[in-house]
Amino acid sequence: MDKLIEAARKAWQQAYVPYSHFAVGAAVLTDDGKIFQGCNIENGSYSMTICAERVAMFKAVYEGYHHFKAIAIVGDTHEAISPCGACRQVMTEFMQPEDQVILTNLQGDVKQFSVAELLPYSFSLKDDPIK
């Protein structure tokens, strides 16, 4: 997982955060070992801002990957960073409940959780009444 964390740290350096100055980097790992990176990208209209986690996952989806076995997220925080609710929900779309979410910071603190631990009782395709 060190390689995935390092990829997230490199993505952190690319963050576009002129308003909050709070950079976040993320990296997702596909089943075949490919890594996709993302950083948060802010906009003057804050609701148009996108988190690093979703940038990384959506880049991978664009390339044809629809499952990630792990994601690493890094931020300049006192403790290991935690993803927002929207990103947690997107993780449940492209990751299995047992897949790993690695939370870290620039000081090297690391916490690791499963997707299910981060968002219990999430909505997914299994809950779709049309299926």
N, C-alpha and C. Protein backbone atom coordinates (compact mmCIF):
# COMPACT_ATOMS: atom_id res chain seq x y z
N MET A 1 0.80 -1.19 0.00
CA MET A 1 0.00 0.00 0.00
C MET A 1 0.85 1.27 0.00
N ASP A 2 2.15 1.12 0.25
CA ASP A 2 3.04 2.29 0.24
C ASP A 2 3.03 2.99 -1.12
N LYS A 3 2.98 2.20 -2.19
CA LYS A 3 2.97 2.77 -3.55
C LYS A 3 1.69 3.59 -3.77
N LEU A 4 0.59 3.10 -3.25
CA LEU A 4 -0.69 3.80 -3.40
C LEU A 4 -0.69 5.11 -2.59
N ILE A 5 -0.15 5.05 -1.38
CA ILE A 5 -0.06 6.26 -0.56
C ILE A 5 0.85 7.28 -1.22
N GLU A 6 1.98 6.84 -1.77
CA GLU A 6 2.90 7.76 -2.45
C GLU A 6 2.22 8.40 -3.67
N ALA A 7 1.43 7.64 -4.40
CA ALA A 7 0.70 8.20 -5.55
C ALA A 7 -0.30 9.26 -5.08
N ALA A 8 -0.95 9.03 -3.95
CA ALA A 8 -1.89 10.02 -3.40
C ALA A 8 -1.13 11.28 -2.96
N ARG A 9 0.04 11.11 -2.39
CA ARG A 9 0.85 12.27 -1.97
C ARG A 9 1.27 13.11 -3.19
N LYS A 10 1.62 12.43 -4.28
CA LYS A 10 1.99 13.16 -5.50
C LYS A 10 0.78 13.90 -6.07
N ALA A 11 -0.38 13.27 -6.00
CA ALA A 11 -1.60 13.92 -6.48
C ALA A 11 -1.93 15.14 -5.62
N TRP A 12 -1.65 15.06 -4.33
CA TRP A 12 -1.89 16.17 -3.41
C TRP A 12 -1.19 17.43 -3.90
N GLN A 13 -0.02 17.27 -4.48
CA GLN A 13 0.76 18.40 -4.96
C GLN A 13 0.10 19.11 -6.15
N GLN A 14 -0.83 18.46 -6.81
CA GLN A 14 -1.49 19.03 -7.98
C GLN A 14 -2.82 19.71 -7.66
N ALA A 15 -3.22 19.69 -6.40
CA ALA A 15 -4.52 20.24 -6.01
C ALA A 15 -4.63 21.72 -6.42
N TYR A 16 -5.84 22.08 -6.86
CA TYR A 16 -6.14 23.47 -7.22
C TYR A 16 -7.06 24.00 -6.14
N VAL A 17 -6.48 24.73 -5.17
CA VAL A 17 -7.23 25.13 -3.98
C VAL A 17 -7.01 26.61 -3.64
N PRO A 18 -7.33 27.54 -4.56
CA PRO A 18 -7.06 28.95 -4.31
C PRO A 18 -7.96 29.58 -3.24
N TYR A 19 -9.03 28.91 -2.86
CA TYR A 19 -9.98 29.48 -1.91
C TYR A 19 -9.76 28.93 -0.50
N SER A 20 -9.76 27.64 -0.34
CA SER A 20 -9.62 27.04 0.99
C SER A 20 -8.16 26.80 1.37
N HIS A 21 -7.30 26.65 0.37
CA HIS A 21 -5.90 26.30 0.59
C HIS A 21 -5.78 24.95 1.29
N PHE A 22 -6.77 24.09 1.13
CA PHE A 22 -6.80 22.76 1.75
C PHE A 22 -6.68 21.71 0.65
N ALA A 23 -5.46 21.30 0.38
CA ALA A 23 -5.20 20.34 -0.69
C ALA A 23 -5.45 18.91 -0.22
N VAL A 24 -6.00 18.09 -1.13
CA VAL A 24 -6.22 16.67 -0.88
C VAL A 24 -5.78 15.91 -2.12
N GLY A 25 -5.15 14.78 -1.90
CA GLY A 25 -4.77 13.89 -3.00
C GLY A 25 -5.35 12.52 -2.76
N ALA A 26 -5.61 11.80 -3.85
CA ALA A 26 -6.16 10.45 -3.73
C ALA A 26 -5.60 9.59 -4.85
N ALA A 27 -5.59 8.29 -4.61
CA ALA A 27 -5.17 7.33 -5.62
C ALA A 27 -5.97 6.06 -5.44
N VAL A 28 -6.51 5.53 -6.54
CA VAL A 28 -7.26 4.27 -6.48
C VAL A 28 -6.47 3.18 -7.18
N LEU A 29 -6.65 1.97 -6.68
CA LEU A 29 -5.96 0.80 -7.21
C LEU A 29 -6.98 -0.14 -7.85
N THR A 30 -6.77 -0.47 -9.12
CA THR A 30 -7.67 -1.37 -9.84
C THR A 30 -7.29 -2.82 -9.57
N ASP A 31 -8.15 -3.73 -9.98
CA ASP A 31 -7.89 -5.15 -9.78
C ASP A 31 -6.61 -5.62 -10.46
N ASP A 32 -6.26 -4.99 -11.58
CA ASP A 32 -5.05 -5.41 -12.30
C ASP A 32 -3.81 -4.59 -11.92
N GLY A 33 -3.91 -3.81 -10.84
CA GLY A 33 -2.75 -3.10 -10.32
C GLY A 33 -2.51 -1.71 -10.87
N LYS A 34 -3.40 -1.21 -11.70
CA LYS A 34 -3.24 0.15 -12.24
C LYS A 34 -3.68 1.16 -11.19
N ILE A 35 -2.96 2.27 -11.13
CA ILE A 35 -3.27 3.33 -10.17
C ILE A 35 -3.72 4.58 -10.91
N PHE A 36 -4.83 5.16 -10.44
CA PHE A 36 -5.32 6.43 -10.97
C PHE A 36 -5.29 7.45 -9.84
N GLN A 37 -4.79 8.63 -10.14
CA GLN A 37 -4.64 9.68 -9.14
C GLN A 37 -5.68 10.79 -9.36
N GLY A 38 -5.95 11.51 -8.28
CA GLY A 38 -6.84 12.65 -8.36
C GLY A 38 -6.51 13.65 -7.27
N CYS A 39 -6.87 14.89 -7.50
CA CYS A 39 -6.70 15.94 -6.49
C CYS A 39 -7.99 16.75 -6.44
N ASN A 40 -8.19 17.45 -5.34
CA ASN A 40 -9.38 18.29 -5.28
C ASN A 40 -9.18 19.52 -6.16
N ILE A 41 -10.28 19.95 -6.75
CA ILE A 41 -10.27 21.09 -7.67
C ILE A 41 -11.40 22.02 -7.25
N GLU A 42 -11.01 23.21 -6.79
CA GLU A 42 -11.99 24.17 -6.30
C GLU A 42 -12.48 25.09 -7.41
N ASN A 43 -13.59 25.73 -7.10
CA ASN A 43 -14.20 26.70 -8.00
C ASN A 43 -14.78 27.80 -7.12
N GLY A 44 -14.82 29.01 -7.67
CA GLY A 44 -15.38 30.14 -6.92
C GLY A 44 -16.80 29.87 -6.44
N SER A 45 -17.54 29.09 -7.20
CA SER A 45 -18.85 28.62 -6.76
C SER A 45 -18.60 27.28 -6.06
N TYR A 46 -18.52 27.30 -4.75
CA TYR A 46 -18.07 26.14 -3.98
C TYR A 46 -18.80 24.84 -4.31
N SER A 47 -20.05 24.92 -4.69
CA SER A 47 -20.76 23.68 -5.00
C SER A 47 -20.22 23.01 -6.27
N MET A 48 -19.44 23.72 -7.04
CA MET A 48 -18.84 23.16 -8.26
C MET A 48 -17.50 22.49 -7.97
N THR A 49 -17.03 22.58 -6.75
CA THR A 49 -15.77 21.96 -6.35
C THR A 49 -15.92 20.44 -6.38
N ILE A 50 -14.84 19.73 -6.70
CA ILE A 50 -14.87 18.27 -6.69
C ILE A 50 -13.71 17.74 -5.85
N CYS A 51 -13.99 16.72 -5.09
CA CYS A 51 -13.01 16.12 -4.18
C CYS A 51 -12.02 15.24 -4.94
N ALA A 52 -10.85 15.09 -4.34
CA ALA A 52 -9.78 14.28 -4.93
C ALA A 52 -10.21 12.83 -5.16
N GLU A 53 -10.96 12.28 -4.22
CA GLU A 53 -11.37 10.89 -4.32
C GLU A 53 -12.22 10.65 -5.56
N ARG A 54 -13.17 11.57 -5.80
CA ARG A 54 -14.04 11.41 -6.96
C ARG A 54 -13.29 11.65 -8.26
N VAL A 55 -12.34 12.58 -8.26
CA VAL A 55 -11.53 12.80 -9.47
C VAL A 55 -10.80 11.50 -9.82
N ALA A 56 -10.15 10.87 -8.85
CA ALA A 56 -9.40 9.64 -9.11
C ALA A 56 -10.33 8.53 -9.60
N MET A 57 -11.46 8.35 -8.92
CA MET A 57 -12.38 7.28 -9.31
C MET A 57 -12.98 7.54 -10.69
N PHE A 58 -13.38 8.78 -10.96
CA PHE A 58 -14.00 9.09 -12.24
C PHE A 58 -13.01 8.99 -13.39
N LYS A 59 -11.74 9.34 -13.15
CA LYS A 59 -10.72 9.16 -14.19
C LYS A 59 -10.61 7.67 -14.55
N ALA A 60 -10.62 6.83 -13.54
CA ALA A 60 -10.52 5.39 -13.76
C ALA A 60 -11.76 4.87 -14.49
N VAL A 61 -12.93 5.34 -14.10
CA VAL A 61 -14.16 4.91 -14.77
C VAL A 61 -14.10 5.30 -16.24
N TYR A 62 -13.64 6.50 -16.52
CA TYR A 62 -13.50 6.95 -17.91
C TYR A 62 -12.60 6.01 -18.71
N GLU A 63 -11.60 5.45 -18.06
CA GLU A 63 -10.68 4.52 -18.72
C GLU A 63 -11.21 3.09 -18.76
N GLY A 64 -12.44 2.87 -18.26
CA GLY A 64 -13.08 1.57 -18.37
C GLY A 64 -13.02 0.70 -17.13
N TYR A 65 -12.50 1.22 -16.03
CA TYR A 65 -12.43 0.46 -14.78
C TYR A 65 -13.65 0.77 -13.93
N HIS A 66 -14.26 -0.28 -13.39
CA HIS A 66 -15.47 -0.09 -12.60
C HIS A 66 -15.37 -0.73 -11.22
N HIS A 67 -14.18 -1.17 -10.84
CA HIS A 67 -13.97 -1.69 -9.49
C HIS A 67 -12.58 -1.32 -9.01
N PHE A 68 -12.51 -0.87 -7.77
CA PHE A 68 -11.23 -0.51 -7.15
C PHE A 68 -11.10 -1.30 -5.86
N LYS A 69 -9.97 -1.94 -5.69
CA LYS A 69 -9.80 -2.73 -4.47
C LYS A 69 -9.25 -1.93 -3.31
N ALA A 70 -8.75 -0.73 -3.60
CA ALA A 70 -8.26 0.14 -2.53
C ALA A 70 -8.21 1.58 -3.01
N ILE A 71 -8.31 2.49 -2.04
CA ILE A 71 -8.11 3.91 -2.30
C ILE A 71 -7.31 4.47 -1.14
N ALA A 72 -6.37 5.35 -1.46
CA ALA A 72 -5.60 6.07 -0.44
C ALA A 72 -5.91 7.55 -0.59
N ILE A 73 -6.05 8.22 0.56
CA ILE A 73 -6.39 9.64 0.58
C ILE A 73 -5.41 10.34 1.52
N VAL A 74 -4.87 11.47 1.09
CA VAL A 74 -3.92 12.20 1.92
C VAL A 74 -4.27 13.69 1.96
N GLY A 75 -4.07 14.28 3.13
CA GLY A 75 -4.28 15.71 3.30
C GLY A 75 -3.35 16.24 4.37
N ASP A 76 -3.20 17.54 4.43
CA ASP A 76 -2.36 18.17 5.44
C ASP A 76 -3.22 18.41 6.67
N THR A 77 -3.51 17.35 7.40
CA THR A 77 -4.38 17.38 8.56
C THR A 77 -3.61 16.92 9.80
N HIS A 78 -4.15 17.21 10.97
CA HIS A 78 -3.48 16.81 12.22
C HIS A 78 -3.52 15.30 12.39
N GLU A 79 -4.62 14.68 12.01
CA GLU A 79 -4.78 13.23 12.04
C GLU A 79 -5.01 12.76 10.61
N ALA A 80 -5.07 11.47 10.41
CA ALA A 80 -5.37 10.94 9.07
C ALA A 80 -6.68 11.54 8.58
N ILE A 81 -6.69 11.97 7.33
CA ILE A 81 -7.85 12.64 6.73
C ILE A 81 -9.02 11.67 6.61
N SER A 82 -10.22 12.21 6.56
CA SER A 82 -11.42 11.40 6.41
C SER A 82 -12.22 11.90 5.21
N PRO A 83 -12.73 11.00 4.36
CA PRO A 83 -13.48 11.43 3.18
C PRO A 83 -14.87 11.94 3.54
N CYS A 84 -15.39 12.83 2.70
CA CYS A 84 -16.74 13.35 2.91
C CYS A 84 -17.78 12.28 2.59
N GLY A 85 -19.01 12.56 2.92
CA GLY A 85 -20.09 11.63 2.69
C GLY A 85 -20.33 11.33 1.22
N ALA A 86 -20.22 12.36 0.37
CA ALA A 86 -20.43 12.14 -1.07
C ALA A 86 -19.39 11.17 -1.62
N CYS A 87 -18.15 11.33 -1.21
CA CYS A 87 -17.09 10.43 -1.69
C CYS A 87 -17.29 9.02 -1.16
N ARG A 88 -17.74 8.91 0.08
CA ARG A 88 -18.02 7.59 0.65
C ARG A 88 -19.11 6.87 -0.16
N GLN A 89 -20.14 7.61 -0.56
CA GLN A 89 -21.20 7.01 -1.35
C GLN A 89 -20.69 6.57 -2.71
N VAL A 90 -19.84 7.37 -3.35
CA VAL A 90 -19.27 6.99 -4.64
C VAL A 90 -18.39 5.75 -4.48
N MET A 91 -17.66 5.66 -3.37
CA MET A 91 -16.85 4.46 -3.12
C MET A 91 -17.72 3.22 -3.10
N THR A 92 -18.91 3.31 -2.51
CA THR A 92 -19.78 2.13 -2.45
C THR A 92 -20.26 1.71 -3.84
N GLU A 93 -20.22 2.62 -4.79
CA GLU A 93 -20.64 2.30 -6.16
C GLU A 93 -19.56 1.48 -6.87
N PHE A 94 -18.30 1.75 -6.58
CA PHE A 94 -17.20 1.13 -7.34
C PHE A 94 -16.29 0.24 -6.50
N MET A 95 -16.64 0.03 -5.25
CA MET A 95 -15.83 -0.82 -4.39
C MET A 95 -16.74 -1.79 -3.64
N GLN A 96 -16.20 -2.93 -3.27
CA GLN A 96 -16.94 -3.91 -2.48
C GLN A 96 -16.86 -3.51 -1.01
N PRO A 97 -17.80 -3.97 -0.19
CA PRO A 97 -17.80 -3.60 1.23
C PRO A 97 -16.47 -3.89 1.94
N GLU A 98 -15.77 -4.95 1.53
CA GLU A 98 -14.52 -5.33 2.19
C GLU A 98 -13.28 -4.63 1.63
N ASP A 99 -13.42 -3.89 0.53
CA ASP A 99 -12.27 -3.19 -0.06
C ASP A 99 -11.75 -2.13 0.89
N GLN A 100 -10.48 -1.79 0.73
CA GLN A 100 -9.79 -0.97 1.72
C GLN A 100 -9.71 0.51 1.37
N VAL A 101 -9.91 1.33 2.40
CA VAL A 101 -9.78 2.78 2.32
C VAL A 101 -8.66 3.17 3.28
N ILE A 102 -7.60 3.73 2.73
CA ILE A 102 -6.43 4.09 3.52
C ILE A 102 -6.42 5.61 3.69
N LEU A 103 -6.49 6.04 4.92
CA LEU A 103 -6.54 7.46 5.24
C LEU A 103 -5.20 7.85 5.86
N THR A 104 -4.61 8.95 5.39
CA THR A 104 -3.31 9.35 5.90
C THR A 104 -3.17 10.86 5.88
N ASN A 105 -2.05 11.34 6.35
CA ASN A 105 -1.73 12.76 6.31
C ASN A 105 -0.27 12.92 5.92
N LEU A 106 0.20 14.14 5.83
CA LEU A 106 1.57 14.39 5.41
C LEU A 106 2.60 13.96 6.45
N GLN A 107 2.16 13.80 7.69
CA GLN A 107 3.06 13.34 8.75
C GLN A 107 3.21 11.82 8.78
N GLY A 108 2.43 11.11 7.96
CA GLY A 108 2.54 9.66 7.88
C GLY A 108 1.62 8.88 8.79
N ASP A 109 0.68 9.55 9.46
CA ASP A 109 -0.32 8.82 10.24
C ASP A 109 -1.22 8.07 9.28
N VAL A 110 -1.52 6.83 9.58
CA VAL A 110 -2.33 6.01 8.69
C VAL A 110 -3.42 5.31 9.47
N LYS A 111 -4.63 5.36 8.93
CA LYS A 111 -5.76 4.57 9.43
C LYS A 111 -6.33 3.83 8.23
N GLN A 112 -6.76 2.61 8.45
CA GLN A 112 -7.29 1.81 7.36
C GLN A 112 -8.64 1.24 7.77
N PHE A 113 -9.60 1.36 6.86
CA PHE A 113 -10.96 0.89 7.08
C PHE A 113 -11.45 0.15 5.85
N SER A 114 -12.47 -0.64 6.02
CA SER A 114 -13.17 -1.18 4.86
C SER A 114 -14.21 -0.15 4.42
N VAL A 115 -14.68 -0.28 3.20
CA VAL A 115 -15.73 0.62 2.71
C VAL A 115 -16.96 0.52 3.60
N ALA A 116 -17.32 -0.69 4.00
CA ALA A 116 -18.50 -0.89 4.85
C ALA A 116 -18.35 -0.20 6.21
N GLU A 117 -17.14 -0.17 6.75
CA GLU A 117 -16.93 0.51 8.02
C GLU A 117 -17.11 2.02 7.89
N LEU A 118 -16.72 2.58 6.73
CA LEU A 118 -16.84 4.02 6.53
C LEU A 118 -18.27 4.46 6.22
N LEU A 119 -19.04 3.60 5.58
CA LEU A 119 -20.42 3.97 5.25
C LEU A 119 -21.34 2.76 5.41
N PRO A 120 -21.69 2.45 6.66
CA PRO A 120 -22.63 1.34 6.85
C PRO A 120 -24.01 1.74 6.33
N TYR A 121 -24.75 0.79 5.86
CA TYR A 121 -26.12 1.00 5.38
C TYR A 121 -26.18 1.93 4.17
N SER A 122 -25.18 1.84 3.32
CA SER A 122 -25.16 2.69 2.12
C SER A 122 -26.19 2.21 1.10
N PHE A 123 -26.57 3.10 0.21
CA PHE A 123 -27.47 2.76 -0.89
C PHE A 123 -26.62 2.25 -2.04
N SER A 124 -27.03 1.14 -2.66
CA SER A 124 -26.31 0.61 -3.81
C SER A 124 -27.31 -0.06 -4.76
N LEU A 125 -26.79 -0.63 -5.82
CA LEU A 125 -27.66 -1.27 -6.81
C LEU A 125 -28.52 -2.37 -6.18
N LYS A 126 -28.03 -3.01 -5.14
CA LYS A 126 -28.83 -4.04 -4.48
C LYS A 126 -30.12 -3.48 -3.88
N ASP A 127 -30.12 -2.17 -3.65
CA ASP A 127 -31.29 -1.50 -3.07
C ASP A 127 -32.24 -0.93 -4.12
N ASP A 128 -31.86 -1.01 -5.39
CA ASP A 128 -32.64 -0.44 -6.47
C ASP A 128 -33.94 -1.24 -6.63
N PRO A 129 -35.10 -0.64 -6.44
CA PRO A 129 -36.36 -1.37 -6.53
C PRO A 129 -36.69 -1.85 -7.94
N ILE A 130 -36.05 -1.28 -8.94
CA ILE A 130 -36.33 -1.66 -10.32
C ILE A 130 -35.58 -2.95 -10.70
N LYS A 131 -34.51 -3.23 -10.04
CA LYS A 131 -33.70 -4.44 -10.34
C LYS A 131 -34.36 -5.69 -9.87
